[in-house]
Amino acid sequence: MFMGEYQHTIDEKGRMIIPSKFRDALGSNFVVTRGLDQCLFVYPRTEWEVLEQKLKALPLMKSDARAFTRFFFSGATECELDKQGRVNIPNNLLQYSKLDKDCVVLGVSNRVEIWSKDIWENYFDQSEESFNEIAEKLVDFDF
């Protein structure tokens, strides 16, 4: 399971260090793709394969299913860590997520998310105000 929030930077070549706590769980080969809310989703191969099966099961005749599947798979790329624990993020994903220098890396259960620092702070500030309401709508148990 991935959890925690880490501040990192991306260098001029599009490389960023993956937090050491995430490296073992990600493995040597993992998938980075467009996520929701303008962040990147990073999946270990095993989790990607589970997600892939779920997306394959979506009805091909529904335009929403086709659109979401295109969005998700067209942005996906297999990545590896270099010897310094860095991942090279492709330009199309850097552009989508507006990543340039400062970023935030989050552990979110079965995946890692990479956010532009500015976008994350804005998202967090907006979500924090309504977190209790969101929790009440989504969750039927106590924390």
N, C-alpha and C. Protein backbone atom coordinates (compact mmCIF):
# COMPACT_ATOMS: atom_id res chain seq x y z
N MET A 1 0.84 -1.18 0.00
CA MET A 1 0.00 0.00 0.00
C MET A 1 0.88 1.24 0.00
N PHE A 2 0.48 2.22 -0.78
CA PHE A 2 1.20 3.48 -0.86
C PHE A 2 0.49 4.51 0.01
N MET A 3 1.27 5.26 0.79
CA MET A 3 0.69 6.35 1.57
C MET A 3 1.77 7.38 1.86
N GLY A 4 1.32 8.61 2.11
CA GLY A 4 2.24 9.68 2.43
C GLY A 4 2.30 10.73 1.34
N GLU A 5 2.89 11.86 1.70
CA GLU A 5 3.05 13.00 0.79
C GLU A 5 4.50 13.45 0.84
N TYR A 6 5.10 13.62 -0.34
CA TYR A 6 6.50 13.96 -0.45
C TYR A 6 6.69 15.10 -1.44
N GLN A 7 7.55 16.03 -1.11
CA GLN A 7 7.89 17.15 -1.99
C GLN A 7 9.13 16.77 -2.80
N HIS A 8 9.06 16.96 -4.10
CA HIS A 8 10.18 16.64 -4.97
C HIS A 8 10.31 17.69 -6.07
N THR A 9 11.35 17.56 -6.86
CA THR A 9 11.53 18.44 -8.02
C THR A 9 11.77 17.58 -9.26
N ILE A 10 11.49 18.19 -10.39
CA ILE A 10 11.75 17.56 -11.68
C ILE A 10 12.87 18.35 -12.34
N ASP A 11 13.88 17.64 -12.84
CA ASP A 11 15.00 18.36 -13.47
C ASP A 11 14.66 18.74 -14.91
N GLU A 12 15.56 19.43 -15.56
CA GLU A 12 15.33 19.94 -16.91
C GLU A 12 15.16 18.83 -17.95
N LYS A 13 15.56 17.61 -17.61
CA LYS A 13 15.40 16.48 -18.52
C LYS A 13 14.12 15.69 -18.26
N GLY A 14 13.29 16.16 -17.33
CA GLY A 14 12.03 15.49 -17.02
C GLY A 14 12.17 14.32 -16.06
N ARG A 15 13.25 14.31 -15.30
CA ARG A 15 13.47 13.22 -14.34
C ARG A 15 13.12 13.67 -12.93
N MET A 16 12.54 12.75 -12.17
CA MET A 16 12.29 13.03 -10.77
C MET A 16 12.56 11.79 -9.94
N ILE A 17 12.96 12.02 -8.71
CA ILE A 17 13.25 10.93 -7.80
C ILE A 17 11.94 10.41 -7.23
N ILE A 18 11.76 9.11 -7.29
CA ILE A 18 10.62 8.46 -6.65
C ILE A 18 10.99 8.26 -5.18
N PRO A 19 10.10 8.62 -4.26
CA PRO A 19 10.42 8.43 -2.83
C PRO A 19 10.86 6.99 -2.56
N SER A 20 11.89 6.85 -1.75
CA SER A 20 12.45 5.52 -1.49
C SER A 20 11.41 4.56 -0.91
N LYS A 21 10.46 5.08 -0.14
CA LYS A 21 9.42 4.20 0.44
C LYS A 21 8.53 3.59 -0.63
N PHE A 22 8.48 4.16 -1.82
CA PHE A 22 7.62 3.66 -2.88
C PHE A 22 8.35 2.73 -3.86
N ARG A 23 9.66 2.77 -3.87
CA ARG A 23 10.41 2.07 -4.91
C ARG A 23 10.22 0.56 -4.90
N ASP A 24 10.29 -0.06 -3.73
CA ASP A 24 10.15 -1.51 -3.68
C ASP A 24 8.77 -1.96 -4.14
N ALA A 25 7.73 -1.24 -3.70
CA ALA A 25 6.37 -1.62 -4.07
C ALA A 25 6.10 -1.38 -5.56
N LEU A 26 6.73 -0.37 -6.15
CA LEU A 26 6.56 -0.13 -7.58
C LEU A 26 7.27 -1.17 -8.41
N GLY A 27 8.38 -1.65 -7.93
CA GLY A 27 9.16 -2.62 -8.68
C GLY A 27 10.03 -1.96 -9.73
N SER A 28 10.70 -2.77 -10.50
CA SER A 28 11.64 -2.23 -11.49
C SER A 28 10.94 -1.72 -12.74
N ASN A 29 9.73 -2.17 -12.99
CA ASN A 29 8.99 -1.80 -14.20
C ASN A 29 7.57 -1.46 -13.78
N PHE A 30 7.11 -0.24 -14.08
CA PHE A 30 5.79 0.21 -13.66
C PHE A 30 5.19 1.09 -14.75
N VAL A 31 3.95 1.50 -14.58
CA VAL A 31 3.25 2.26 -15.61
C VAL A 31 2.89 3.64 -15.07
N VAL A 32 3.15 4.66 -15.88
CA VAL A 32 2.75 6.03 -15.58
C VAL A 32 1.74 6.44 -16.66
N THR A 33 0.64 7.04 -16.24
CA THR A 33 -0.38 7.47 -17.18
C THR A 33 -1.06 8.73 -16.71
N ARG A 34 -1.89 9.31 -17.59
CA ARG A 34 -2.69 10.47 -17.19
C ARG A 34 -3.63 10.02 -16.09
N GLY A 35 -3.69 10.82 -15.05
CA GLY A 35 -4.64 10.56 -13.99
C GLY A 35 -5.79 11.54 -14.08
N LEU A 36 -6.62 11.50 -13.10
CA LEU A 36 -7.73 12.44 -13.03
C LEU A 36 -7.27 13.68 -12.28
N ASP A 37 -7.99 14.76 -12.42
CA ASP A 37 -7.69 16.01 -11.73
C ASP A 37 -6.33 16.60 -12.13
N GLN A 38 -5.85 16.27 -13.31
CA GLN A 38 -4.62 16.83 -13.88
C GLN A 38 -3.35 16.36 -13.18
N CYS A 39 -3.39 15.17 -12.58
CA CYS A 39 -2.18 14.59 -12.01
C CYS A 39 -1.81 13.37 -12.83
N LEU A 40 -0.69 12.74 -12.48
CA LEU A 40 -0.29 11.49 -13.11
C LEU A 40 -0.53 10.35 -12.13
N PHE A 41 -0.98 9.21 -12.64
CA PHE A 41 -1.14 8.00 -11.85
C PHE A 41 0.05 7.09 -12.17
N VAL A 42 0.61 6.48 -11.14
CA VAL A 42 1.72 5.55 -11.29
C VAL A 42 1.29 4.22 -10.66
N TYR A 43 1.32 3.15 -11.45
CA TYR A 43 0.86 1.84 -11.00
C TYR A 43 1.97 0.80 -11.06
N PRO A 44 2.12 -0.01 -10.03
CA PRO A 44 2.97 -1.21 -10.17
C PRO A 44 2.34 -2.10 -11.25
N ARG A 45 3.13 -2.93 -11.89
CA ARG A 45 2.61 -3.78 -12.97
C ARG A 45 1.40 -4.60 -12.53
N THR A 46 1.42 -5.16 -11.33
CA THR A 46 0.31 -6.00 -10.89
C THR A 46 -0.99 -5.19 -10.80
N GLU A 47 -0.91 -3.99 -10.27
CA GLU A 47 -2.11 -3.14 -10.17
C GLU A 47 -2.56 -2.68 -11.56
N TRP A 48 -1.62 -2.39 -12.43
CA TRP A 48 -1.96 -1.98 -13.79
C TRP A 48 -2.73 -3.09 -14.50
N GLU A 49 -2.29 -4.32 -14.32
CA GLU A 49 -2.96 -5.45 -14.96
C GLU A 49 -4.38 -5.61 -14.45
N VAL A 50 -4.62 -5.38 -13.16
CA VAL A 50 -5.98 -5.43 -12.61
C VAL A 50 -6.83 -4.33 -13.25
N LEU A 51 -6.29 -3.13 -13.32
CA LEU A 51 -7.01 -2.01 -13.92
C LEU A 51 -7.27 -2.26 -15.40
N GLU A 52 -6.29 -2.81 -16.07
CA GLU A 52 -6.43 -3.11 -17.50
C GLU A 52 -7.60 -4.05 -17.74
N GLN A 53 -7.74 -5.07 -16.91
CA GLN A 53 -8.85 -6.02 -17.06
C GLN A 53 -10.19 -5.34 -16.83
N LYS A 54 -10.25 -4.43 -15.86
CA LYS A 54 -11.50 -3.71 -15.60
C LYS A 54 -11.87 -2.81 -16.78
N LEU A 55 -10.87 -2.14 -17.34
CA LEU A 55 -11.13 -1.26 -18.48
C LEU A 55 -11.52 -2.06 -19.72
N LYS A 56 -10.93 -3.22 -19.91
CA LYS A 56 -11.29 -4.08 -21.04
C LYS A 56 -12.74 -4.55 -20.94
N ALA A 57 -13.26 -4.65 -19.72
CA ALA A 57 -14.62 -5.13 -19.51
C ALA A 57 -15.68 -4.06 -19.75
N LEU A 58 -15.25 -2.80 -19.93
CA LEU A 58 -16.22 -1.74 -20.19
C LEU A 58 -16.88 -1.97 -21.55
N PRO A 59 -18.14 -1.60 -21.67
CA PRO A 59 -18.86 -1.85 -22.93
C PRO A 59 -18.34 -0.97 -24.07
N LEU A 60 -17.85 -1.61 -25.10
CA LEU A 60 -17.27 -0.92 -26.25
C LEU A 60 -18.29 -0.04 -26.97
N MET A 61 -19.55 -0.38 -26.88
CA MET A 61 -20.58 0.36 -27.59
C MET A 61 -20.95 1.68 -26.91
N LYS A 62 -20.47 1.92 -25.71
CA LYS A 62 -20.77 3.17 -25.01
C LYS A 62 -19.64 4.17 -25.24
N SER A 63 -20.01 5.34 -25.70
CA SER A 63 -18.99 6.35 -26.05
C SER A 63 -18.18 6.79 -24.84
N ASP A 64 -18.80 6.88 -23.67
CA ASP A 64 -18.06 7.26 -22.46
C ASP A 64 -16.98 6.24 -22.13
N ALA A 65 -17.30 4.98 -22.28
CA ALA A 65 -16.33 3.91 -22.00
C ALA A 65 -15.17 3.99 -22.99
N ARG A 66 -15.47 4.20 -24.26
CA ARG A 66 -14.41 4.31 -25.26
C ARG A 66 -13.54 5.53 -24.98
N ALA A 67 -14.17 6.65 -24.64
CA ALA A 67 -13.41 7.87 -24.38
C ALA A 67 -12.49 7.71 -23.19
N PHE A 68 -13.00 7.14 -22.10
CA PHE A 68 -12.17 6.98 -20.91
C PHE A 68 -11.03 6.01 -21.17
N THR A 69 -11.31 4.92 -21.86
CA THR A 69 -10.27 3.94 -22.16
C THR A 69 -9.18 4.56 -23.03
N ARG A 70 -9.58 5.35 -24.03
CA ARG A 70 -8.59 6.04 -24.88
C ARG A 70 -7.72 6.98 -24.05
N PHE A 71 -8.38 7.77 -23.22
CA PHE A 71 -7.68 8.74 -22.38
C PHE A 71 -6.63 8.04 -21.51
N PHE A 72 -7.02 6.94 -20.90
CA PHE A 72 -6.15 6.25 -19.97
C PHE A 72 -5.00 5.53 -20.66
N PHE A 73 -5.31 4.75 -21.70
CA PHE A 73 -4.28 3.95 -22.36
C PHE A 73 -3.36 4.77 -23.26
N SER A 74 -3.89 5.80 -23.91
CA SER A 74 -3.05 6.57 -24.82
C SER A 74 -1.96 7.35 -24.08
N GLY A 75 -2.19 7.65 -22.82
CA GLY A 75 -1.18 8.35 -22.04
C GLY A 75 -0.25 7.44 -21.28
N ALA A 76 -0.52 6.14 -21.31
CA ALA A 76 0.26 5.20 -20.51
C ALA A 76 1.62 4.90 -21.12
N THR A 77 2.60 4.80 -20.26
CA THR A 77 3.95 4.42 -20.69
C THR A 77 4.61 3.58 -19.61
N GLU A 78 5.37 2.59 -20.05
CA GLU A 78 6.14 1.78 -19.11
C GLU A 78 7.39 2.54 -18.73
N CYS A 79 7.70 2.53 -17.45
CA CYS A 79 8.87 3.26 -16.96
C CYS A 79 9.71 2.36 -16.07
N GLU A 80 10.96 2.76 -15.93
CA GLU A 80 11.90 2.08 -15.04
C GLU A 80 12.64 3.14 -14.23
N LEU A 81 13.10 2.74 -13.08
CA LEU A 81 13.93 3.63 -12.27
C LEU A 81 15.37 3.51 -12.72
N ASP A 82 16.09 4.63 -12.72
CA ASP A 82 17.52 4.55 -12.99
C ASP A 82 18.25 4.24 -11.68
N LYS A 83 19.55 4.20 -11.72
CA LYS A 83 20.34 3.82 -10.54
C LYS A 83 20.20 4.80 -9.38
N GLN A 84 19.79 6.03 -9.67
CA GLN A 84 19.59 7.04 -8.61
C GLN A 84 18.15 7.06 -8.10
N GLY A 85 17.31 6.14 -8.57
CA GLY A 85 15.92 6.09 -8.12
C GLY A 85 15.03 7.10 -8.82
N ARG A 86 15.45 7.54 -10.02
CA ARG A 86 14.68 8.53 -10.77
C ARG A 86 13.88 7.86 -11.89
N VAL A 87 12.78 8.51 -12.23
CA VAL A 87 11.98 8.10 -13.38
C VAL A 87 11.99 9.26 -14.37
N ASN A 88 12.07 8.92 -15.64
CA ASN A 88 12.02 9.92 -16.71
C ASN A 88 10.57 10.01 -17.19
N ILE A 89 9.93 11.14 -16.96
CA ILE A 89 8.54 11.32 -17.33
C ILE A 89 8.47 11.89 -18.75
N PRO A 90 7.73 11.22 -19.64
CA PRO A 90 7.63 11.69 -21.03
C PRO A 90 7.02 13.09 -21.12
N ASN A 91 7.40 13.83 -22.17
CA ASN A 91 6.95 15.21 -22.35
C ASN A 91 5.43 15.35 -22.39
N ASN A 92 4.73 14.42 -23.06
CA ASN A 92 3.27 14.54 -23.13
C ASN A 92 2.63 14.47 -21.75
N LEU A 93 3.19 13.69 -20.85
CA LEU A 93 2.65 13.60 -19.49
C LEU A 93 3.04 14.82 -18.66
N LEU A 94 4.24 15.34 -18.89
CA LEU A 94 4.64 16.58 -18.21
C LEU A 94 3.71 17.72 -18.60
N GLN A 95 3.39 17.79 -19.88
CA GLN A 95 2.50 18.85 -20.36
C GLN A 95 1.09 18.69 -19.81
N TYR A 96 0.56 17.47 -19.84
CA TYR A 96 -0.80 17.22 -19.33
C TYR A 96 -0.93 17.65 -17.88
N SER A 97 0.06 17.30 -17.06
CA SER A 97 -0.02 17.53 -15.62
C SER A 97 0.57 18.87 -15.20
N LYS A 98 1.08 19.64 -16.18
CA LYS A 98 1.68 20.96 -15.91
C LYS A 98 2.86 20.86 -14.94
N LEU A 99 3.59 19.74 -15.03
CA LEU A 99 4.77 19.55 -14.19
C LEU A 99 5.95 20.28 -14.82
N ASP A 100 6.61 21.12 -14.03
CA ASP A 100 7.81 21.77 -14.55
C ASP A 100 8.97 21.67 -13.58
N LYS A 101 8.79 22.00 -12.34
CA LYS A 101 9.89 21.89 -11.39
C LYS A 101 9.41 21.28 -10.06
N ASP A 102 8.67 22.05 -9.30
CA ASP A 102 8.22 21.57 -7.99
C ASP A 102 7.00 20.67 -8.13
N CYS A 103 7.06 19.51 -7.48
CA CYS A 103 5.95 18.57 -7.56
C CYS A 103 5.72 17.92 -6.20
N VAL A 104 4.58 17.28 -6.10
CA VAL A 104 4.18 16.56 -4.89
C VAL A 104 3.89 15.13 -5.31
N VAL A 105 4.44 14.18 -4.56
CA VAL A 105 4.25 12.76 -4.84
C VAL A 105 3.43 12.20 -3.68
N LEU A 106 2.28 11.60 -4.03
CA LEU A 106 1.36 11.08 -3.02
C LEU A 106 1.24 9.57 -3.12
N GLY A 107 1.15 8.92 -1.99
CA GLY A 107 0.79 7.51 -1.95
C GLY A 107 -0.71 7.43 -1.73
N VAL A 108 -1.42 6.77 -2.65
CA VAL A 108 -2.88 6.70 -2.58
C VAL A 108 -3.30 5.24 -2.73
N SER A 109 -3.12 4.48 -1.66
CA SER A 109 -3.53 3.08 -1.60
C SER A 109 -2.78 2.22 -2.62
N ASN A 110 -3.39 1.95 -3.78
CA ASN A 110 -2.78 1.03 -4.75
C ASN A 110 -1.99 1.74 -5.84
N ARG A 111 -1.87 3.07 -5.74
CA ARG A 111 -1.15 3.82 -6.77
C ARG A 111 -0.41 4.99 -6.14
N VAL A 112 0.48 5.57 -6.95
CA VAL A 112 1.18 6.79 -6.60
C VAL A 112 0.64 7.88 -7.52
N GLU A 113 0.48 9.09 -7.00
CA GLU A 113 0.08 10.21 -7.82
C GLU A 113 1.19 11.25 -7.81
N ILE A 114 1.42 11.87 -8.98
CA ILE A 114 2.40 12.94 -9.11
C ILE A 114 1.65 14.19 -9.53
N TRP A 115 1.78 15.24 -8.74
CA TRP A 115 1.06 16.50 -8.96
C TRP A 115 2.04 17.65 -9.11
N SER A 116 1.67 18.62 -9.93
CA SER A 116 2.33 19.91 -9.89
C SER A 116 2.05 20.49 -8.50
N LYS A 117 3.05 21.07 -7.87
CA LYS A 117 2.86 21.61 -6.52
C LYS A 117 1.73 22.63 -6.47
N ASP A 118 1.68 23.53 -7.44
CA ASP A 118 0.63 24.56 -7.45
C ASP A 118 -0.76 23.95 -7.60
N ILE A 119 -0.89 23.00 -8.52
CA ILE A 119 -2.20 22.38 -8.73
C ILE A 119 -2.62 21.59 -7.49
N TRP A 120 -1.67 20.86 -6.86
CA TRP A 120 -1.99 20.10 -5.65
C TRP A 120 -2.45 21.03 -4.54
N GLU A 121 -1.72 22.11 -4.32
CA GLU A 121 -2.09 23.02 -3.23
C GLU A 121 -3.47 23.62 -3.45
N ASN A 122 -3.77 23.99 -4.69
CA ASN A 122 -5.08 24.52 -5.01
C ASN A 122 -6.17 23.45 -4.79
N TYR A 123 -5.92 22.25 -5.30
CA TYR A 123 -6.87 21.14 -5.14
C TYR A 123 -7.10 20.84 -3.65
N PHE A 124 -6.02 20.76 -2.90
CA PHE A 124 -6.11 20.44 -1.47
C PHE A 124 -6.90 21.51 -0.73
N ASP A 125 -6.60 22.78 -1.00
CA ASP A 125 -7.31 23.87 -0.33
C ASP A 125 -8.81 23.80 -0.62
N GLN A 126 -9.18 23.55 -1.86
CA GLN A 126 -10.60 23.46 -2.21
C GLN A 126 -11.25 22.23 -1.59
N SER A 127 -10.56 21.10 -1.61
CA SER A 127 -11.12 19.87 -1.08
C SER A 127 -11.19 19.86 0.43
N GLU A 128 -10.22 20.49 1.08
CA GLU A 128 -10.18 20.50 2.54
C GLU A 128 -11.44 21.13 3.12
N GLU A 129 -11.94 22.16 2.46
CA GLU A 129 -13.14 22.84 2.94
C GLU A 129 -14.35 21.92 2.95
N SER A 130 -14.41 21.00 2.02
CA SER A 130 -15.59 20.14 1.92
C SER A 130 -15.31 18.68 2.26
N PHE A 131 -14.17 18.39 2.88
CA PHE A 131 -13.78 17.01 3.15
C PHE A 131 -14.82 16.28 4.00
N ASN A 132 -15.32 16.91 5.04
CA ASN A 132 -16.32 16.26 5.88
C ASN A 132 -17.58 15.90 5.10
N GLU A 133 -18.03 16.82 4.25
CA GLU A 133 -19.21 16.56 3.44
C GLU A 133 -18.96 15.42 2.45
N ILE A 134 -17.80 15.43 1.84
CA ILE A 134 -17.44 14.37 0.89
C ILE A 134 -17.42 13.03 1.61
N ALA A 135 -16.80 12.98 2.78
CA ALA A 135 -16.70 11.73 3.54
C ALA A 135 -18.09 11.21 3.89
N GLU A 136 -18.99 12.09 4.30
CA GLU A 136 -20.34 11.66 4.65
C GLU A 136 -21.07 11.07 3.45
N LYS A 137 -20.85 11.60 2.27
CA LYS A 137 -21.51 11.11 1.07
C LYS A 137 -20.95 9.77 0.61
N LEU A 138 -19.65 9.57 0.79
CA LEU A 138 -18.99 8.40 0.23
C LEU A 138 -18.86 7.21 1.19
N VAL A 139 -18.73 7.48 2.46
CA VAL A 139 -18.34 6.43 3.39
C VAL A 139 -19.46 6.17 4.37
N ASP A 140 -19.68 4.88 4.61
CA ASP A 140 -20.74 4.48 5.52
C ASP A 140 -20.17 3.84 6.78
N PHE A 141 -18.99 4.25 7.17
CA PHE A 141 -18.39 3.74 8.39
C PHE A 141 -17.59 4.83 9.07
N ASP A 142 -17.25 4.62 10.32
CA ASP A 142 -16.48 5.60 11.08
C ASP A 142 -14.99 5.38 10.86
N PHE A 143 -14.24 6.47 10.97
CA PHE A 143 -12.79 6.37 10.83
C PHE A 143 -12.20 6.04 12.15
